[in-house]
Amino acid sequence: MWEKIKQIKPISRKANWLGWFCTVHIASTILVLLLFLGMGINPTLVVSVVAAPLWLAVAFTSKYITDKIMEDK
């Protein structure tokens, strides 16, 4: 049954894209948090609403990187 589902191109491609997006987004989020912690910035400030534009930039960058990864496939 799973082999038949994997062969359906739109489902397989979208699932692949979503998996890459989650991976890239989580990795870039961890990287940003570690960078700010390394610079001595309060982590509650970084995760709060004050840093919302930063997290939007991370999300859009993650989408861009994911689209570039999926172009090759």
PDB file of N, CA and C in Angstrom:
ATOM      1  N   MET A   1       0.815  -1.185   0.000  1.00  0.00           N
ATOM      2  CA  MET A   1       0.000   0.000   0.000  1.00  0.00           C
ATOM      3  C   MET A   1       0.870   1.264   0.000  1.00  0.00           C
ATOM      4  N   TRP A   2       1.921   1.299   0.828  1.00  0.00           N
ATOM      5  CA  TRP A   2       2.778   2.470   0.878  1.00  0.00           C
ATOM      6  C   TRP A   2       3.522   2.680  -0.420  1.00  0.00           C
ATOM      7  N   GLU A   3       3.860   1.609  -1.109  1.00  0.00           N
ATOM      8  CA  GLU A   3       4.561   1.743  -2.386  1.00  0.00           C
ATOM      9  C   GLU A   3       3.676   2.446  -3.419  1.00  0.00           C
ATOM     10  N   LYS A   4       2.383   2.139  -3.400  1.00  0.00           N
ATOM     11  CA  LYS A   4       1.466   2.811  -4.320  1.00  0.00           C
ATOM     12  C   LYS A   4       1.357   4.302  -3.998  1.00  0.00           C
ATOM     13  N   ILE A   5       1.332   4.631  -2.702  1.00  0.00           N
ATOM     14  CA  ILE A   5       1.234   6.037  -2.305  1.00  0.00           C
ATOM     15  C   ILE A   5       2.511   6.783  -2.681  1.00  0.00           C
ATOM     16  N   LYS A   6       3.667   6.139  -2.513  1.00  0.00           N
ATOM     17  CA  LYS A   6       4.936   6.781  -2.861  1.00  0.00           C
ATOM     18  C   LYS A   6       5.039   7.073  -4.356  1.00  0.00           C
ATOM     19  N   GLN A   7       4.353   6.304  -5.174  1.00  0.00           N
ATOM     20  CA  GLN A   7       4.439   6.482  -6.620  1.00  0.00           C
ATOM     21  C   GLN A   7       3.594   7.648  -7.121  1.00  0.00           C
ATOM     22  N   ILE A   8       2.678   8.128  -6.307  1.00  0.00           N
ATOM     23  CA  ILE A   8       1.858   9.272  -6.700  1.00  0.00           C
ATOM     24  C   ILE A   8       2.740  10.518  -6.600  1.00  0.00           C
ATOM     25  N   LYS A   9       3.071  11.101  -7.715  1.00  0.00           N
ATOM     26  CA  LYS A   9       4.053  12.183  -7.776  1.00  0.00           C
ATOM     27  C   LYS A   9       3.697  13.410  -6.936  1.00  0.00           C
ATOM     28  N   PRO A  10       2.459  13.960  -7.028  1.00  0.00           N
ATOM     29  CA  PRO A  10       2.183  15.177  -6.242  1.00  0.00           C
ATOM     30  C   PRO A  10       2.297  14.946  -4.734  1.00  0.00           C
ATOM     31  N   ILE A  11       1.842  13.796  -4.247  1.00  0.00           N
ATOM     32  CA  ILE A  11       1.911  13.526  -2.809  1.00  0.00           C
ATOM     33  C   ILE A  11       3.360  13.326  -2.395  1.00  0.00           C
ATOM     34  N   SER A  12       4.091  12.567  -3.180  1.00  0.00           N
ATOM     35  CA  SER A  12       5.477  12.289  -2.841  1.00  0.00           C
ATOM     36  C   SER A  12       6.310  13.565  -2.880  1.00  0.00           C
ATOM     37  N   ARG A  13       6.115  14.391  -3.873  1.00  0.00           N
ATOM     38  CA  ARG A  13       6.899  15.627  -3.999  1.00  0.00           C
ATOM     39  C   ARG A  13       6.579  16.600  -2.871  1.00  0.00           C
ATOM     40  N   LYS A  14       5.307  16.741  -2.539  1.00  0.00           N
ATOM     41  CA  LYS A  14       4.915  17.667  -1.470  1.00  0.00           C
ATOM     42  C   LYS A  14       5.424  17.172  -0.119  1.00  0.00           C
ATOM     43  N   ALA A  15       5.349  15.874   0.108  1.00  0.00           N
ATOM     44  CA  ALA A  15       5.859  15.318   1.364  1.00  0.00           C
ATOM     45  C   ALA A  15       7.369  15.501   1.451  1.00  0.00           C
ATOM     46  N   ASN A  16       8.059  15.322   0.343  1.00  0.00           N
ATOM     47  CA  ASN A  16       9.505  15.524   0.306  1.00  0.00           C
ATOM     48  C   ASN A  16       9.845  16.990   0.590  1.00  0.00           C
ATOM     49  N   TRP A  17       9.101  17.906  -0.017  1.00  0.00           N
ATOM     50  CA  TRP A  17       9.332  19.331   0.209  1.00  0.00           C
ATOM     51  C   TRP A  17       9.094  19.692   1.675  1.00  0.00           C
ATOM     52  N   LEU A  18       8.006  19.177   2.239  1.00  0.00           N
ATOM     53  CA  LEU A  18       7.679  19.485   3.630  1.00  0.00           C
ATOM     54  C   LEU A  18       8.740  18.945   4.584  1.00  0.00           C
ATOM     55  N   GLY A  19       9.239  17.760   4.311  1.00  0.00           N
ATOM     56  CA  GLY A  19      10.295  17.191   5.133  1.00  0.00           C
ATOM     57  C   GLY A  19      11.567  18.021   5.084  1.00  0.00           C
ATOM     58  N   TRP A  20      11.960  18.447   3.885  1.00  0.00           N
ATOM     59  CA  TRP A  20      13.148  19.298   3.756  1.00  0.00           C
ATOM     60  C   TRP A  20      12.937  20.644   4.433  1.00  0.00           C
ATOM     61  N   PHE A  21      11.734  21.213   4.284  1.00  0.00           N
ATOM     62  CA  PHE A  21      11.461  22.511   4.901  1.00  0.00           C
ATOM     63  C   PHE A  21      11.575  22.420   6.417  1.00  0.00           C
ATOM     64  N   CYS A  22      10.982  21.397   7.011  1.00  0.00           N
ATOM     65  CA  CYS A  22      11.063  21.234   8.468  1.00  0.00           C
ATOM     66  C   CYS A  22      12.512  21.072   8.912  1.00  0.00           C
ATOM     67  N   THR A  23      13.276  20.282   8.179  1.00  0.00           N
ATOM     68  CA  THR A  23      14.678  20.065   8.530  1.00  0.00           C
ATOM     69  C   THR A  23      15.479  21.363   8.442  1.00  0.00           C
ATOM     70  N   VAL A  24      15.324  22.086   7.353  1.00  0.00           N
ATOM     71  CA  VAL A  24      16.065  23.346   7.165  1.00  0.00           C
ATOM     72  C   VAL A  24      15.630  24.379   8.192  1.00  0.00           C
ATOM     73  N   HIS A  25      14.337  24.464   8.443  1.00  0.00           N
ATOM     74  CA  HIS A  25      13.820  25.464   9.381  1.00  0.00           C
ATOM     75  C   HIS A  25      14.300  25.189  10.808  1.00  0.00           C
ATOM     76  N   ILE A  26      14.235  23.942  11.231  1.00  0.00           N
ATOM     77  CA  ILE A  26      14.691  23.600  12.584  1.00  0.00           C
ATOM     78  C   ILE A  26      16.196  23.841  12.718  1.00  0.00           C
ATOM     79  N   ALA A  27      16.948  23.454  11.706  1.00  0.00           N
ATOM     80  CA  ALA A  27      18.402  23.651  11.764  1.00  0.00           C
ATOM     81  C   ALA A  27      18.758  25.136  11.811  1.00  0.00           C
ATOM     82  N   SER A  28      18.103  25.945  10.996  1.00  0.00           N
ATOM     83  CA  SER A  28      18.421  27.380  10.990  1.00  0.00           C
ATOM     84  C   SER A  28      17.945  28.055  12.276  1.00  0.00           C
ATOM     85  N   THR A  29      16.843  27.605  12.839  1.00  0.00           N
ATOM     86  CA  THR A  29      16.368  28.158  14.107  1.00  0.00           C
ATOM     87  C   THR A  29      17.359  27.860  15.228  1.00  0.00           C
ATOM     88  N   ILE A  30      17.831  26.632  15.291  1.00  0.00           N
ATOM     89  CA  ILE A  30      18.820  26.263  16.309  1.00  0.00           C
ATOM     90  C   ILE A  30      20.100  27.078  16.120  1.00  0.00           C
ATOM     91  N   LEU A  31      20.511  27.250  14.879  1.00  0.00           N
ATOM     92  CA  LEU A  31      21.715  28.030  14.598  1.00  0.00           C
ATOM     93  C   LEU A  31      21.568  29.480  15.069  1.00  0.00           C
ATOM     94  N   VAL A  32      20.429  30.097  14.781  1.00  0.00           N
ATOM     95  CA  VAL A  32      20.191  31.483  15.199  1.00  0.00           C
ATOM     96  C   VAL A  32      20.177  31.589  16.720  1.00  0.00           C
ATOM     97  N   LEU A  33      19.483  30.653  17.373  1.00  0.00           N
ATOM     98  CA  LEU A  33      19.442  30.681  18.841  1.00  0.00           C
ATOM     99  C   LEU A  33      20.829  30.523  19.443  1.00  0.00           C
ATOM    100  N   LEU A  34      21.628  29.603  18.908  1.00  0.00           N
ATOM    101  CA  LEU A  34      22.981  29.405  19.429  1.00  0.00           C
ATOM    102  C   LEU A  34      23.866  30.622  19.182  1.00  0.00           C
ATOM    103  N   LEU A  35      23.704  31.253  18.021  1.00  0.00           N
ATOM    104  CA  LEU A  35      24.463  32.473  17.741  1.00  0.00           C
ATOM    105  C   LEU A  35      24.136  33.579  18.741  1.00  0.00           C
ATOM    106  N   PHE A  36      22.857  33.781  18.998  1.00  0.00           N
ATOM    107  CA  PHE A  36      22.471  34.821  19.941  1.00  0.00           C
ATOM    108  C   PHE A  36      22.893  34.492  21.363  1.00  0.00           C
ATOM    109  N   LEU A  37      22.804  33.218  21.736  1.00  0.00           N
ATOM    110  CA  LEU A  37      23.276  32.827  23.058  1.00  0.00           C
ATOM    111  C   LEU A  37      24.783  33.044  23.172  1.00  0.00           C
ATOM    112  N   GLY A  38      25.504  32.769  22.088  1.00  0.00           N
ATOM    113  CA  GLY A  38      26.943  32.988  22.072  1.00  0.00           C
ATOM    114  C   GLY A  38      27.312  34.458  22.199  1.00  0.00           C
ATOM    115  N   MET A  39      26.452  35.330  21.678  1.00  0.00           N
ATOM    116  CA  MET A  39      26.700  36.768  21.794  1.00  0.00           C
ATOM    117  C   MET A  39      26.223  37.321  23.130  1.00  0.00           C
ATOM    118  N   GLY A  40      25.565  36.506  23.932  1.00  0.00           N
ATOM    119  CA  GLY A  40      25.118  36.936  25.248  1.00  0.00           C
ATOM    120  C   GLY A  40      23.763  37.611  25.275  1.00  0.00           C
ATOM    121  N   ILE A  41      22.970  37.405  24.216  1.00  0.00           N
ATOM    122  CA  ILE A  41      21.631  38.006  24.183  1.00  0.00           C
ATOM    123  C   ILE A  41      20.671  37.079  24.934  1.00  0.00           C
ATOM    124  N   ASN A  42      19.793  37.676  25.711  1.00  0.00           N
ATOM    125  CA  ASN A  42      18.841  36.941  26.524  1.00  0.00           C
ATOM    126  C   ASN A  42      17.955  36.042  25.641  1.00  0.00           C
ATOM    127  N   PRO A  43      17.926  34.725  25.891  1.00  0.00           N
ATOM    128  CA  PRO A  43      17.145  33.822  25.026  1.00  0.00           C
ATOM    129  C   PRO A  43      15.643  34.057  25.097  1.00  0.00           C
ATOM    130  N   THR A  44      15.125  34.534  26.232  1.00  0.00           N
ATOM    131  CA  THR A  44      13.683  34.807  26.284  1.00  0.00           C
ATOM    132  C   THR A  44      13.326  35.984  25.386  1.00  0.00           C
ATOM    133  N   LEU A  45      14.245  36.913  25.221  1.00  0.00           N
ATOM    134  CA  LEU A  45      14.010  38.036  24.317  1.00  0.00           C
ATOM    135  C   LEU A  45      14.026  37.565  22.866  1.00  0.00           C
ATOM    136  N   VAL A  46      14.909  36.631  22.563  1.00  0.00           N
ATOM    137  CA  VAL A  46      15.039  36.146  21.187  1.00  0.00           C
ATOM    138  C   VAL A  46      13.811  35.348  20.763  1.00  0.00           C
ATOM    139  N   VAL A  47      13.218  34.613  21.685  1.00  0.00           N
ATOM    140  CA  VAL A  47      12.073  33.766  21.350  1.00  0.00           C
ATOM    141  C   VAL A  47      10.767  34.554  21.428  1.00  0.00           C
ATOM    142  N   SER A  48      10.782  35.731  22.024  1.00  0.00           N
ATOM    143  CA  SER A  48       9.553  36.491  22.252  1.00  0.00           C
ATOM    144  C   SER A  48       9.084  37.214  21.002  1.00  0.00           C
ATOM    145  N   VAL A  49       8.052  38.007  21.183  1.00  0.00           N
ATOM    146  CA  VAL A  49       7.440  38.764  20.091  1.00  0.00           C
ATOM    147  C   VAL A  49       8.395  39.832  19.557  1.00  0.00           C
ATOM    148  N   VAL A  50       9.335  40.277  20.377  1.00  0.00           N
ATOM    149  CA  VAL A  50      10.276  41.309  19.952  1.00  0.00           C
ATOM    150  C   VAL A  50      11.076  40.842  18.736  1.00  0.00           C
ATOM    151  N   ALA A  51      11.371  39.552  18.687  1.00  0.00           N
ATOM    152  CA  ALA A  51      12.177  39.003  17.594  1.00  0.00           C
ATOM    153  C   ALA A  51      11.321  38.435  16.455  1.00  0.00           C
ATOM    154  N   ALA A  52      10.046  38.781  16.401  1.00  0.00           N
ATOM    155  CA  ALA A  52       9.163  38.238  15.363  1.00  0.00           C
ATOM    156  C   ALA A  52       9.666  38.509  13.940  1.00  0.00           C
ATOM    157  N   PRO A  53      10.161  39.691  13.620  1.00  0.00           N
ATOM    158  CA  PRO A  53      10.682  39.893  12.259  1.00  0.00           C
ATOM    159  C   PRO A  53      11.854  38.971  11.933  1.00  0.00           C
ATOM    160  N   LEU A  54      12.667  38.679  12.923  1.00  0.00           N
ATOM    161  CA  LEU A  54      13.773  37.754  12.710  1.00  0.00           C
ATOM    162  C   LEU A  54      13.249  36.366  12.344  1.00  0.00           C
ATOM    163  N   TRP A  55      12.228  35.896  13.057  1.00  0.00           N
ATOM    164  CA  TRP A  55      11.695  34.561  12.780  1.00  0.00           C
ATOM    165  C   TRP A  55      10.969  34.512  11.442  1.00  0.00           C
ATOM    166  N   LEU A  56      10.385  35.626  11.026  1.00  0.00           N
ATOM    167  CA  LEU A  56       9.806  35.679   9.673  1.00  0.00           C
ATOM    168  C   LEU A  56      10.907  35.561   8.629  1.00  0.00           C
ATOM    169  N   ALA A  57      12.019  36.236   8.873  1.00  0.00           N
ATOM    170  CA  ALA A  57      13.148  36.136   7.945  1.00  0.00           C
ATOM    171  C   ALA A  57      13.688  34.709   7.899  1.00  0.00           C
ATOM    172  N   VAL A  58      13.746  34.049   9.046  1.00  0.00           N
ATOM    173  CA  VAL A  58      14.205  32.650   9.084  1.00  0.00           C
ATOM    174  C   VAL A  58      13.247  31.761   8.294  1.00  0.00           C
ATOM    175  N   ALA A  59      11.946  31.988   8.441  1.00  0.00           N
ATOM    176  CA  ALA A  59      10.963  31.172   7.720  1.00  0.00           C
ATOM    177  C   ALA A  59      11.072  31.369   6.205  1.00  0.00           C
ATOM    178  N   PHE A  60      11.188  32.627   5.760  1.00  0.00           N
ATOM    179  CA  PHE A  60      11.303  32.885   4.325  1.00  0.00           C
ATOM    180  C   PHE A  60      12.625  32.361   3.761  1.00  0.00           C
ATOM    181  N   THR A  61      13.683  32.469   4.539  1.00  0.00           N
ATOM    182  CA  THR A  61      14.969  31.923   4.110  1.00  0.00           C
ATOM    183  C   THR A  61      14.913  30.402   4.022  1.00  0.00           C
ATOM    184  N   SER A  62      14.236  29.785   4.972  1.00  0.00           N
ATOM    185  CA  SER A  62      14.078  28.327   4.941  1.00  0.00           C
ATOM    186  C   SER A  62      13.301  27.891   3.707  1.00  0.00           C
ATOM    187  N   LYS A  63      12.255  28.655   3.364  1.00  0.00           N
ATOM    188  CA  LYS A  63      11.487  28.327   2.159  1.00  0.00           C
ATOM    189  C   LYS A  63      12.353  28.462   0.912  1.00  0.00           C
ATOM    190  N   TYR A  64      13.155  29.527   0.855  1.00  0.00           N
ATOM    191  CA  TYR A  64      14.036  29.743  -0.291  1.00  0.00           C
ATOM    192  C   TYR A  64      15.057  28.605  -0.428  1.00  0.00           C
ATOM    193  N   ILE A  65      15.675  28.229   0.680  1.00  0.00           N
ATOM    194  CA  ILE A  65      16.670  27.150   0.650  1.00  0.00           C
ATOM    195  C   ILE A  65      16.010  25.831   0.260  1.00  0.00           C
ATOM    196  N   THR A  66      14.827  25.566   0.803  1.00  0.00           N
ATOM    197  CA  THR A  66      14.114  24.337   0.465  1.00  0.00           C
ATOM    198  C   THR A  66      13.758  24.298  -1.017  1.00  0.00           C
ATOM    199  N   ASP A  67      13.308  25.416  -1.561  1.00  0.00           N
ATOM    200  CA  ASP A  67      13.001  25.469  -2.999  1.00  0.00           C
ATOM    201  C   ASP A  67      14.253  25.199  -3.836  1.00  0.00           C
ATOM    202  N   LYS A  68      15.388  25.723  -3.409  1.00  0.00           N
ATOM    203  CA  LYS A  68      16.645  25.471  -4.140  1.00  0.00           C
ATOM    204  C   LYS A  68      17.052  24.000  -4.053  1.00  0.00           C
ATOM    205  N   ILE A  69      16.844  23.382  -2.904  1.00  0.00           N
ATOM    206  CA  ILE A  69      17.159  21.950  -2.764  1.00  0.00           C
ATOM    207  C   ILE A  69      16.243  21.123  -3.657  1.00  0.00           C
ATOM    208  N   MET A  70      14.972  21.479  -3.718  1.00  0.00           N
ATOM    209  CA  MET A  70      14.018  20.691  -4.491  1.00  0.00           C
ATOM    210  C   MET A  70      14.157  20.912  -6.004  1.00  0.00           C
ATOM    211  N   GLU A  71      14.798  22.004  -6.429  1.00  0.00           N
ATOM    212  CA  GLU A  71      15.021  22.208  -7.854  1.00  0.00           C
ATOM    213  C   GLU A  71      15.898  21.120  -8.446  1.00  0.00           C
ATOM    214  N   ASP A  72      16.840  20.629  -7.657  1.00  0.00           N
ATOM    215  CA  ASP A  72      17.772  19.624  -8.137  1.00  0.00           C
ATOM    216  C   ASP A  72      17.151  18.248  -8.295  1.00  0.00           C
ATOM    217  N   LYS A  73      16.025  18.014  -7.638  1.00  0.00           N
ATOM    218  CA  LYS A  73      15.428  16.672  -7.656  1.00  0.00           C
ATOM    219  C   LYS A  73      14.455  16.491  -8.766  1.00  0.00           C
TER     220      LYS A  73
END
